[in-house]
C-alpha cells in the first residue's frame, strides 16, 4: 500500500490530528514538545518488512500478530491502544472511524493484549493482538487499523486533539468474491473561454462507490462531444485510489472542449478488484449532458451580424439617395430658336 496522507476528522467534539496507515517504513509521529514515536509491523512467521497486516482467513479462523512501538521522543510516552474499522475517505485516503466503539466490522475482530502502554524515551514494546474472524463473516475484504493514540485535552477547551498513529489491517475472508462499482451523482458544467476561438472547459464531478465485497481500484476517464459528435474529446485515463468495500470516493475531472450550445458525454470507469481472484470488471459507463454556450463566440457573431446589417442598410441608403440615369437636372432651360 502507498503511504496515506495525514487526515483530520471531527466527531463528538474530538479532532484526530494524525493517522498514518499502511506505510512501507515505520510510521512516525512527532511534535515540538518532545513527543515522538514510530509504529511498524513485527517480523514473524506472518511476514517480514510488511507495510501493513494482511491476512487470508476462513470464517472462524484466527491469527496472532504484533505491532512494534518505539518512543523516539525525549519524554515519557503514554499511549492508548485499540483497533477500529477503516474506510476510504471521499478524497481517497484511508481513515478510521472516529470512535473505536463505533466499529461494526473488522475493528471488532481484533483483541489487543493491552489497551495502554507507557514508554520511556528510547524504549520500545511489542503489542500482541489476535484477530478472530466470526463464523458468520461475509466473504471478501474487511479493513481495520491497529492504533496507538496520544490524547491531550484542556478541561476548558471546546475541542480536544487526539494524535494517533497506526497500521492498517486487511482481512480477506474466504468465499465468493464479487467486486462491483457504481458511479453516482454525476454533475457536469461548462465554462466558455473568453477567446471565441479557443475551447472552453468542461468540468465533471462524480462519486464512485464500491458496491462489491473486495477492495477496488481501476482507471477512469471522461469523454464528451457536441451535437452529432462534433468536437469529440476525451481525457487521459486516470488511476483511481483504492476503495474499501462500502466506501465512496469523489472525483473531479476537467476537459478542454469546444461547444455549440450542448455537450453530451460519459464517465467511463474500468474497475478492477484488488488481490488474487478479484479480477477486472466490465466498464461502467454513466452518461451526462449539459448546456454549453460559447458566449464569447456568440457575442462575436452578434457583433459581426450587427456590422453586416449596418453595412447593408448603409449601402441601400446610399443607393436610394443616388441620382438615376433617367433623372433630369433641375433649373431653367433656355429658349430654342
Protein backbone atom coordinates (compact mmCIF):
# COMPACT_ATOMS: atom_id res chain seq x y z
CA UNK A 1 0.00 0.00 0.00
CA UNK A 2 1.22 3.53 -0.68
CA UNK A 3 1.58 5.99 2.15
CA UNK A 4 -1.63 7.71 3.10
CA UNK A 5 -1.79 11.40 3.87
CA UNK A 6 -2.44 12.62 7.42
CA UNK A 7 -6.11 13.35 7.97
CA UNK A 8 -8.22 15.37 10.35
CA UNK A 9 -11.71 14.38 11.37
CA UNK A 10 -14.23 15.82 13.81
CA UNK A 11 -16.62 13.69 15.80
CA UNK A 12 -18.16 14.27 19.22
CA UNK A 13 -16.05 17.44 19.57
CA UNK A 14 -12.81 15.48 19.16
CA UNK A 15 -10.24 16.15 16.44
CA UNK A 16 -7.91 13.41 15.23
CA UNK A 17 -4.77 15.26 14.22
CA UNK A 18 -2.71 12.42 12.83
CA UNK A 19 -3.40 9.00 11.36
CA UNK A 20 -0.93 7.05 9.24
CA UNK A 21 -1.86 3.61 7.95
CA UNK A 22 -0.02 1.06 5.89
CA UNK A 23 3.44 2.58 5.48
CA UNK A 24 6.24 0.52 3.94
CA UNK A 25 8.64 2.07 6.50
CA UNK A 26 7.93 2.79 10.18
CA UNK A 27 5.26 5.45 10.59
CA UNK A 28 6.44 8.43 12.62
CA UNK A 29 4.58 10.92 14.80
CA UNK A 30 6.37 13.93 16.27
CA UNK A 31 5.77 17.40 17.68
CA UNK A 32 7.82 20.27 19.07
CA UNK A 33 7.14 19.22 22.68
CA UNK A 34 9.47 16.23 22.62
CA UNK A 35 6.70 13.70 21.90
CA UNK A 36 7.56 11.35 19.04
CA UNK A 37 7.05 7.70 18.27
CA UNK A 38 7.04 5.16 15.47
CA UNK A 39 4.98 2.05 14.75
CA UNK A 40 5.68 -0.87 12.45
CA UNK A 41 4.72 -4.49 11.95
CA UNK A 42 6.75 -7.11 13.78
CA UNK A 43 8.84 -9.55 11.73
CA UNK A 44 7.45 -13.04 12.34
CA UNK A 45 6.17 -16.15 10.62
CA UNK A 46 3.39 -13.94 9.27
CA UNK A 47 5.91 -11.96 7.21
CA UNK A 48 8.86 -9.59 7.32
CA UNK A 49 9.20 -5.98 6.23
CA UNK A 50 5.44 -5.60 5.90
CA UNK A 51 3.86 -2.23 5.34
CA UNK A 52 0.56 -3.43 6.81
CA UNK A 53 -1.08 -6.51 8.28
CA UNK A 54 -2.76 -8.63 5.62
CA UNK A 55 -4.46 -11.99 6.12
CA UNK A 56 -6.46 -14.51 4.09
CA UNK A 57 -8.66 -16.41 6.54
CA UNK A 58 -11.60 -18.77 6.67
CA UNK A 59 -14.67 -17.85 8.73
CA UNK A 60 -13.99 -18.84 12.33
CA UNK A 61 -10.20 -18.78 11.89
CA UNK A 62 -7.83 -16.62 13.94
CA UNK A 63 -4.29 -15.29 13.68
CA UNK A 64 -1.90 -13.79 16.22
CA UNK A 65 0.49 -10.98 15.37
CA UNK A 66 2.12 -7.91 16.91
CA UNK A 67 2.96 -4.27 16.28
CA UNK A 68 6.19 -2.63 17.46
CA UNK A 69 6.03 0.82 19.06
CA UNK A 70 9.20 2.87 19.66
CA UNK A 71 9.41 6.06 21.72
CA UNK A 72 11.76 8.24 19.67
CA UNK A 73 10.98 11.37 21.68
CA UNK A 74 12.55 12.92 24.76
CA UNK A 75 9.68 12.49 27.22
CA UNK A 76 7.71 9.58 28.63
CA UNK A 77 5.03 8.41 26.20
CA UNK A 78 1.62 7.21 27.44
CA UNK A 79 -0.43 5.63 24.67
CA UNK A 80 -3.87 4.11 24.32
CA UNK A 81 -4.01 1.09 22.03
CA UNK A 82 -7.12 -0.06 20.20
CA UNK A 83 -8.47 -1.31 16.87
CA UNK A 84 -11.14 0.37 14.74
CA UNK A 85 -12.86 -0.08 11.39
CA UNK A 86 -11.17 1.52 8.39
CA UNK A 87 -12.78 3.21 5.42
CA UNK A 88 -11.79 5.20 2.34
CA UNK A 89 -12.50 8.92 2.61
CA UNK A 90 -14.06 10.97 -0.17
CA UNK A 91 -10.57 12.22 -1.01
CA UNK A 92 -9.17 8.69 -1.40
CA UNK A 93 -7.27 8.42 1.89
CA UNK A 94 -7.71 5.63 4.41
CA UNK A 95 -9.10 6.69 7.78
CA UNK A 96 -10.63 5.06 10.84
CA UNK A 97 -13.99 5.64 12.45
CA UNK A 98 -13.61 8.46 14.95
CA UNK A 99 -14.66 6.39 17.94
CA UNK A 100 -13.47 2.79 18.31
CA UNK A 101 -16.84 1.93 19.85
CA UNK A 102 -18.48 2.81 16.52
CA UNK A 103 -16.81 -0.15 14.77
CA UNK A 104 -19.10 -2.87 13.47
CA UNK A 105 -16.75 -4.89 11.26
CA UNK A 106 -13.08 -5.93 11.36
CA UNK A 107 -12.31 -3.48 14.15
CA UNK A 108 -14.37 -5.70 16.44
CA UNK A 109 -12.46 -8.80 15.38
CA UNK A 110 -9.19 -7.61 16.92
CA UNK A 111 -8.35 -8.32 20.55
CA UNK A 112 -5.34 -6.34 21.80
CA UNK A 113 -3.22 -7.75 24.65
CA UNK A 114 -3.03 -4.35 26.34
CA UNK A 115 -5.07 -1.20 25.96
CA UNK A 116 -2.47 1.16 27.44
CA UNK A 117 1.32 1.40 27.50
CA UNK A 118 3.87 3.89 28.82
CA UNK A 119 7.29 4.04 27.14
CA UNK A 120 10.32 5.90 28.42
CA UNK A 121 12.47 7.76 25.86
CA UNK A 122 14.27 5.26 23.62
CA UNK A 123 12.18 2.32 24.82
CA UNK A 124 10.11 0.07 22.59
CA UNK A 125 7.39 -2.51 23.07
CA UNK A 126 5.62 -5.20 21.10
CA UNK A 127 1.85 -5.05 21.25
CA UNK A 128 0.44 -8.53 20.62
CA UNK A 129 -3.04 -8.92 19.21
CA UNK A 130 -5.30 -11.68 17.99
CA UNK A 131 -7.70 -11.34 15.08
CA UNK A 132 -10.60 -13.80 15.03
CA UNK A 133 -12.97 -13.94 12.07
CA UNK A 134 -16.57 -14.59 13.14
CA UNK A 135 -18.07 -17.80 11.80
CA UNK A 136 -20.78 -15.81 10.05
CA UNK A 137 -18.47 -13.22 8.48
CA UNK A 138 -19.28 -12.27 4.91
CA UNK A 139 -16.76 -13.26 2.21
CA UNK A 140 -14.48 -10.60 0.80
CA UNK A 141 -12.32 -7.79 2.12
CA UNK A 142 -12.65 -6.24 5.56
CA UNK A 143 -10.45 -3.37 6.76
CA UNK A 144 -9.38 -2.08 10.15
CA UNK A 145 -6.44 -0.37 11.81
CA UNK A 146 -4.41 -1.03 14.96
CA UNK A 147 -3.92 2.37 16.55
CA UNK A 148 -1.72 3.99 19.17
CA UNK A 149 -3.22 7.22 20.43
CA UNK A 150 -1.89 10.11 22.49
CA UNK A 151 -4.79 12.26 23.66
CA UNK A 152 -4.22 15.69 25.13
CA UNK A 153 -7.16 17.80 26.23
CA UNK A 154 -7.56 21.00 28.18
CA UNK A 155 -10.50 20.74 30.52
CA UNK A 156 -11.60 24.22 29.44
CA UNK A 157 -11.09 23.52 25.74
CA UNK A 158 -14.07 23.05 23.46
CA UNK A 159 -12.02 20.87 21.13
CA UNK A 160 -9.62 18.16 22.22
CA UNK A 161 -6.90 16.97 19.88
CA UNK A 162 -6.11 13.30 19.52
CA UNK A 163 -2.82 12.37 17.88
CA UNK A 164 -2.83 8.80 16.68
CA UNK A 165 -0.59 6.58 14.65
CA UNK A 166 -1.38 3.11 13.43
CA UNK A 167 -1.05 0.33 10.92
CA UNK A 168 -3.71 -0.93 8.55
CA UNK A 169 -5.19 -4.41 8.80
CA UNK A 170 -6.60 -6.06 5.66
CA UNK A 171 -8.58 -9.27 6.06
CA UNK A 172 -9.87 -11.31 3.13
CA UNK A 173 -12.48 -13.81 4.25
CA UNK A 174 -12.73 -16.91 2.06
CA UNK A 175 -15.77 -17.25 -0.16
CA UNK A 176 -17.24 -15.83 -3.34
CA UNK A 177 -15.53 -12.61 -4.41
CA UNK A 178 -17.92 -10.17 -6.05
CA UNK A 179 -16.20 -6.91 -7.00
CA UNK A 180 -18.62 -4.21 -8.17
CA UNK A 181 -18.65 -0.45 -8.67
CA UNK A 182 -21.27 2.21 -9.21
CA UNK A 183 -20.95 5.79 -10.47
CA UNK A 184 -23.27 8.24 -8.72
CA UNK A 185 -24.13 11.94 -8.54
CA UNK A 186 -22.62 12.95 -11.89
CA UNK A 187 -22.57 16.74 -12.28
CA UNK A 188 -21.32 18.50 -15.42
CA UNK A 189 -20.80 22.19 -16.12
CA UNK A 190 -19.24 24.17 -18.94
CA UNK A 191 -17.14 27.33 -18.66
CA UNK A 192 -16.56 29.06 -22.02
CA UNK A 193 -13.27 30.71 -22.88
CA UNK A 194 -13.07 34.49 -23.17
CA UNK A 195 -11.36 33.86 -26.51
CA UNK A 196 -14.05 32.89 -29.05
CA UNK A 197 -11.52 30.82 -30.98
CA UNK A 198 -10.40 28.71 -28.01
CA UNK A 199 -12.11 25.71 -26.42
CA UNK A 200 -13.95 26.11 -23.14
CA UNK A 201 -13.62 23.87 -20.08
CA UNK A 202 -15.96 21.03 -19.22
CA UNK A 203 -15.91 20.13 -15.52
CA UNK A 204 -17.34 16.77 -14.45
CA UNK A 205 -17.74 15.72 -10.83
CA UNK A 206 -18.90 12.28 -9.77
CA UNK A 207 -18.80 9.77 -6.94
CA UNK A 208 -17.51 6.21 -7.29
CA UNK A 209 -18.94 3.78 -4.76
CA UNK A 210 -17.55 0.32 -4.09
CA UNK A 211 -20.68 -1.81 -4.02
CA UNK A 212 -18.84 -5.14 -4.08
CA UNK A 213 -17.06 -7.16 -1.42
CA UNK A 214 -13.43 -6.65 -2.49
CA UNK A 215 -11.16 -3.65 -2.44
CA UNK A 216 -11.44 -1.82 -5.73
CA UNK A 217 -9.20 0.23 -7.97
CA UNK A 218 -9.04 0.90 -11.72
CA UNK A 219 -8.85 3.80 -14.15
CA UNK A 220 -11.37 6.45 -15.10
CA UNK A 221 -11.84 8.89 -17.98
CA UNK A 222 -14.30 11.49 -19.24
CA UNK A 223 -15.45 11.76 -22.85
CA UNK A 224 -17.66 14.43 -24.38
CA UNK A 225 -18.85 15.80 -27.73
CA UNK A 226 -21.14 18.44 -29.17
CA UNK A 227 -24.24 17.85 -31.34
CA UNK A 228 -23.91 14.94 -33.81
CA UNK A 229 -20.49 14.12 -32.36
CA UNK A 230 -18.79 17.42 -33.19
CA UNK A 231 -15.64 18.35 -31.28
CA UNK A 232 -15.36 14.92 -29.61
CA UNK A 233 -12.74 14.83 -26.86
CA UNK A 234 -11.59 12.52 -24.06
CA UNK A 235 -9.37 12.84 -21.00
CA UNK A 236 -6.42 10.57 -20.40
CA UNK A 237 -7.17 7.58 -18.19
CA UNK A 238 -6.53 8.42 -14.53
CA UNK A 239 -5.55 5.86 -11.91
CA UNK A 240 -8.18 5.64 -9.18
CA UNK A 241 -7.46 5.37 -5.47
CA UNK A 242 -8.08 2.04 -3.82
CA UNK A 243 -11.59 1.96 -2.36
CA UNK A 244 -12.59 -0.22 0.60
CA UNK A 245 -15.94 -2.04 0.24
CA UNK A 246 -18.83 0.22 1.17
CA UNK A 247 -16.78 3.41 0.77
CA UNK A 248 -17.19 6.19 -1.78
CA UNK A 249 -14.60 8.48 -3.34
CA UNK A 250 -15.36 11.75 -5.10
CA UNK A 251 -13.68 12.68 -8.37
CA UNK A 252 -13.37 15.88 -10.39
CA UNK A 253 -12.05 15.99 -13.95
CA UNK A 254 -11.75 18.82 -16.45
CA UNK A 255 -11.67 18.57 -20.22
CA UNK A 256 -10.99 21.31 -22.81
CA UNK A 257 -13.71 21.08 -25.44
CA UNK A 258 -15.39 23.31 -28.00
CA UNK A 259 -19.15 23.55 -27.84
CA UNK A 260 -22.12 24.65 -29.90
CA UNK A 261 -24.81 25.02 -27.25
CA UNK A 262 -24.93 21.47 -25.88
CA UNK A 263 -22.48 18.82 -24.73
CA UNK A 264 -23.16 15.18 -24.02
CA UNK A 265 -20.69 12.63 -22.77
CA UNK A 266 -19.96 9.86 -20.30
CA UNK A 267 -17.93 8.94 -17.26
CA UNK A 268 -16.08 5.75 -18.19
CA UNK A 269 -14.67 3.64 -15.34
CA UNK A 270 -12.68 0.45 -15.87
CA UNK A 271 -12.76 -1.01 -12.35
CA UNK A 272 -10.58 -3.82 -11.08
CA UNK A 273 -10.83 -5.82 -7.89
CA UNK A 274 -7.70 -5.88 -5.73
CA UNK A 275 -5.98 -9.15 -4.99
CA UNK A 276 -5.90 -12.65 -6.36
CA UNK A 277 -9.26 -13.81 -7.65
CA UNK A 278 -10.94 -10.40 -7.71
CA UNK A 279 -10.32 -9.71 -11.40
CA UNK A 280 -11.22 -6.91 -13.79
CA UNK A 281 -14.81 -5.84 -14.34
CA UNK A 282 -16.73 -4.65 -17.35
CA UNK A 283 -16.55 -0.91 -17.93
CA UNK A 284 -19.03 1.21 -16.00
CA UNK A 285 -20.38 3.94 -18.31
CA UNK A 286 -22.59 6.72 -16.97
CA UNK A 287 -23.95 9.36 -19.36
CA UNK A 288 -24.32 13.08 -18.73
CA UNK A 289 -25.23 16.22 -20.66
CA UNK A 290 -25.05 19.94 -20.05
CA UNK A 291 -25.81 23.28 -21.63
CA UNK A 292 -22.62 24.62 -23.21
CA UNK A 293 -23.00 28.05 -24.75
CA UNK A 294 -19.78 29.64 -26.09
CA UNK A 295 -20.79 33.15 -25.04
CA UNK A 296 -17.69 34.87 -26.38
CA UNK A 297 -18.32 33.32 -29.80
CA UNK A 298 -21.99 34.25 -29.60
CA UNK A 299 -21.02 37.83 -28.75
CA UNK A 300 -18.60 37.91 -31.67
CA UNK A 301 -21.25 36.59 -34.05
CA UNK A 302 -23.72 39.18 -32.78
CA UNK A 303 -21.19 41.94 -33.41
CA UNK A 304 -20.37 40.59 -36.88
CA UNK A 305 -24.07 40.22 -37.70
CA UNK A 306 -24.68 43.77 -36.49
CA UNK A 307 -21.88 45.08 -38.68
CA UNK A 308 -23.23 43.19 -41.68
CA UNK A 309 -26.74 44.55 -41.13
CA UNK A 310 -25.38 48.07 -40.69
CA UNK A 311 -23.34 47.75 -43.87
CA UNK A 312 -26.35 46.52 -45.85
CA UNK A 313 -28.54 49.33 -44.54
CA UNK A 314 -25.87 51.90 -45.36
CA UNK A 315 -25.44 50.61 -48.90
CA UNK A 316 -29.18 50.64 -49.50
CA UNK A 317 -29.48 54.19 -48.22
CA UNK A 318 -26.70 55.37 -50.48
CA UNK A 319 -28.27 53.69 -53.46
CA UNK A 320 -31.64 55.20 -52.64
CA UNK A 321 -30.21 58.73 -52.44
CA UNK A 322 -28.02 58.49 -55.56
CA UNK A 323 -29.47 60.04 -58.89
CA UNK A 324 -30.58 57.58 -61.53
CA UNK A 325 -29.71 57.72 -65.25
CA UNK A 326 -33.26 58.88 -66.23
CA UNK A 327 -33.29 61.81 -63.85
CA UNK A 328 -33.17 65.38 -65.49
CA UNK A 329 -31.13 68.07 -63.90
CA UNK A 330 -33.20 70.79 -62.26
CA UNK A 331 -33.10 74.52 -63.36
CA UNK A 332 -34.44 76.91 -66.15
CA UNK A 333 -33.89 75.79 -69.70
CA UNK A 334 -33.16 78.41 -72.48
CA UNK A 335 -35.49 79.03 -75.43
CA UNK A 336 -34.61 77.27 -78.59
CA UNK A 337 -34.62 79.35 -81.89
